[in-house]
Amino acid sequence: MKPDHKLCQLGKKEIEENIAAITELVAKPKYICQKCARVSKKKKNLCKPKKLPSRKKE
């Protein structure tokens, strides 16, 4: 998977082949896609990113 590839555009086969890279991108997300609700640490990996509100540590 290319580093700037949009998670929103991944098909089932691409997800299966790149599960380790995807897991790293979605751990502790900072952005959510307004179109498909996928999340990512990086804004560039979503097609319609919106910053998630910061969460308070419990």
N, C-alpha and C. Protein backbone atom coordinates (compact mmCIF):
# COMPACT_ATOMS: atom_id res chain seq x y z
N MET A 1 0.84 -1.18 0.00
CA MET A 1 0.00 0.00 0.00
C MET A 1 0.88 1.24 0.00
N LYS A 2 0.56 2.19 -0.84
CA LYS A 2 1.32 3.43 -0.90
C LYS A 2 1.02 4.26 0.35
N PRO A 3 2.03 4.99 0.85
CA PRO A 3 1.83 5.76 2.09
C PRO A 3 0.72 6.80 2.02
N ASP A 4 0.43 7.34 0.83
CA ASP A 4 -0.59 8.37 0.71
C ASP A 4 -1.90 7.83 0.13
N HIS A 5 -2.02 6.52 0.07
CA HIS A 5 -3.24 5.88 -0.46
C HIS A 5 -4.41 6.17 0.48
N LYS A 6 -5.56 6.43 -0.08
CA LYS A 6 -6.75 6.73 0.71
C LYS A 6 -7.37 5.43 1.23
N LEU A 7 -7.56 5.34 2.53
CA LEU A 7 -8.20 4.16 3.12
C LEU A 7 -9.60 3.98 2.57
N CYS A 8 -10.25 5.08 2.25
CA CYS A 8 -11.63 5.07 1.75
C CYS A 8 -11.76 4.30 0.44
N GLN A 9 -10.69 4.18 -0.31
CA GLN A 9 -10.73 3.57 -1.63
C GLN A 9 -10.26 2.12 -1.65
N LEU A 10 -9.88 1.59 -0.51
CA LEU A 10 -9.37 0.22 -0.46
C LEU A 10 -10.49 -0.80 -0.63
N GLY A 11 -10.21 -1.79 -1.44
CA GLY A 11 -11.13 -2.90 -1.62
C GLY A 11 -10.79 -4.01 -0.64
N LYS A 12 -11.62 -5.03 -0.57
CA LYS A 12 -11.44 -6.14 0.36
C LYS A 12 -10.07 -6.81 0.20
N LYS A 13 -9.67 -7.06 -1.05
CA LYS A 13 -8.38 -7.72 -1.30
C LYS A 13 -7.21 -6.85 -0.83
N GLU A 14 -7.28 -5.54 -1.11
CA GLU A 14 -6.22 -4.63 -0.68
C GLU A 14 -6.13 -4.56 0.84
N ILE A 15 -7.27 -4.60 1.50
CA ILE A 15 -7.29 -4.59 2.96
C ILE A 15 -6.61 -5.84 3.50
N GLU A 16 -6.97 -7.00 2.95
CA GLU A 16 -6.38 -8.27 3.39
C GLU A 16 -4.86 -8.29 3.17
N GLU A 17 -4.40 -7.75 2.04
CA GLU A 17 -2.98 -7.77 1.71
C GLU A 17 -2.16 -6.76 2.52
N ASN A 18 -2.80 -5.75 3.08
CA ASN A 18 -2.08 -4.68 3.76
C ASN A 18 -2.53 -4.47 5.20
N ILE A 19 -3.00 -5.52 5.83
CA ILE A 19 -3.59 -5.39 7.17
C ILE A 19 -2.62 -4.81 8.19
N ALA A 20 -1.35 -5.14 8.13
CA ALA A 20 -0.37 -4.61 9.10
C ALA A 20 -0.21 -3.10 8.95
N ALA A 21 -0.08 -2.63 7.70
CA ALA A 21 0.06 -1.19 7.45
C ALA A 21 -1.20 -0.44 7.85
N ILE A 22 -2.35 -1.02 7.56
CA ILE A 22 -3.62 -0.38 7.90
C ILE A 22 -3.79 -0.30 9.41
N THR A 23 -3.43 -1.36 10.10
CA THR A 23 -3.53 -1.37 11.56
C THR A 23 -2.73 -0.23 12.16
N GLU A 24 -1.55 0.03 11.63
CA GLU A 24 -0.71 1.12 12.11
C GLU A 24 -1.38 2.48 11.85
N LEU A 25 -2.01 2.64 10.70
CA LEU A 25 -2.65 3.91 10.36
C LEU A 25 -3.90 4.21 11.19
N VAL A 26 -4.60 3.19 11.61
CA VAL A 26 -5.86 3.41 12.33
C VAL A 26 -5.72 3.38 13.85
N ALA A 27 -4.55 2.99 14.35
CA ALA A 27 -4.33 3.01 15.80
C ALA A 27 -4.26 4.45 16.28
N LYS A 28 -4.96 4.78 17.33
CA LYS A 28 -5.02 6.13 17.88
C LYS A 28 -5.36 7.16 16.81
N PRO A 29 -6.53 7.05 16.21
CA PRO A 29 -6.90 7.95 15.10
C PRO A 29 -7.09 9.40 15.52
N LYS A 30 -6.79 10.30 14.59
CA LYS A 30 -6.99 11.74 14.80
C LYS A 30 -8.03 12.31 13.85
N TYR A 31 -8.34 11.56 12.78
CA TYR A 31 -9.28 12.05 11.75
C TYR A 31 -10.31 10.97 11.42
N ILE A 32 -11.48 11.43 10.98
CA ILE A 32 -12.54 10.54 10.52
C ILE A 32 -12.98 11.01 9.14
N CYS A 33 -13.31 10.08 8.26
CA CYS A 33 -13.80 10.43 6.94
C CYS A 33 -15.29 10.75 7.05
N GLN A 34 -15.67 11.90 6.54
CA GLN A 34 -17.07 12.32 6.59
C GLN A 34 -17.93 11.55 5.60
N LYS A 35 -17.30 10.84 4.68
CA LYS A 35 -18.03 10.08 3.66
C LYS A 35 -18.30 8.64 4.11
N CYS A 36 -17.27 7.94 4.60
CA CYS A 36 -17.43 6.51 4.91
C CYS A 36 -17.17 6.15 6.37
N ALA A 37 -16.80 7.12 7.19
CA ALA A 37 -16.57 6.94 8.63
C ALA A 37 -15.33 6.12 8.98
N ARG A 38 -14.43 5.94 8.03
CA ARG A 38 -13.15 5.29 8.37
C ARG A 38 -12.29 6.30 9.12
N VAL A 39 -11.35 5.81 9.91
CA VAL A 39 -10.51 6.69 10.72
C VAL A 39 -9.04 6.48 10.39
N SER A 40 -8.21 7.49 10.72
CA SER A 40 -6.78 7.41 10.45
C SER A 40 -6.02 8.38 11.34
N LYS A 41 -4.74 8.08 11.55
CA LYS A 41 -3.86 9.01 12.24
C LYS A 41 -3.56 10.21 11.36
N LYS A 42 -3.52 9.97 10.04
CA LYS A 42 -3.10 11.01 9.10
C LYS A 42 -4.25 11.48 8.22
N LYS A 43 -4.35 12.77 8.08
CA LYS A 43 -5.38 13.41 7.28
C LYS A 43 -5.32 12.97 5.81
N LYS A 44 -4.11 12.79 5.29
CA LYS A 44 -3.93 12.48 3.87
C LYS A 44 -4.45 11.10 3.47
N ASN A 45 -4.76 10.24 4.43
CA ASN A 45 -5.22 8.89 4.11
C ASN A 45 -6.74 8.76 4.02
N LEU A 46 -7.46 9.88 4.10
CA LEU A 46 -8.92 9.88 4.00
C LEU A 46 -9.36 10.84 2.92
N CYS A 47 -10.49 10.55 2.26
CA CYS A 47 -10.93 11.41 1.17
C CYS A 47 -11.65 12.67 1.65
N LYS A 48 -12.36 12.60 2.77
CA LYS A 48 -13.05 13.77 3.33
C LYS A 48 -12.77 13.83 4.83
N PRO A 49 -11.50 14.12 5.21
CA PRO A 49 -11.13 14.07 6.62
C PRO A 49 -11.70 15.20 7.45
N LYS A 50 -12.02 14.87 8.69
CA LYS A 50 -12.45 15.84 9.69
C LYS A 50 -11.75 15.48 10.99
N LYS A 51 -11.17 16.46 11.64
CA LYS A 51 -10.45 16.20 12.88
C LYS A 51 -11.41 15.71 13.96
N LEU A 52 -11.02 14.65 14.63
CA LEU A 52 -11.81 14.12 15.74
C LEU A 52 -11.59 15.01 16.96
N PRO A 53 -12.60 15.17 17.80
CA PRO A 53 -12.38 15.94 19.02
C PRO A 53 -11.39 15.19 19.91
N SER A 54 -10.56 15.93 20.61
CA SER A 54 -9.58 15.27 21.48
C SER A 54 -10.30 14.62 22.64
N ARG A 55 -9.80 13.45 23.01
CA ARG A 55 -10.40 12.69 24.10
C ARG A 55 -9.59 12.90 25.36
N LYS A 56 -10.30 13.00 26.48
CA LYS A 56 -9.63 13.12 27.78
C LYS A 56 -9.20 11.75 28.23
N LYS A 57 -8.02 11.67 28.82
CA LYS A 57 -7.53 10.40 29.35
C LYS A 57 -8.29 10.08 30.62
N GLU A 58 -8.68 8.82 30.76
CA GLU A 58 -9.43 8.39 31.95
C GLU A 58 -8.55 7.66 32.90
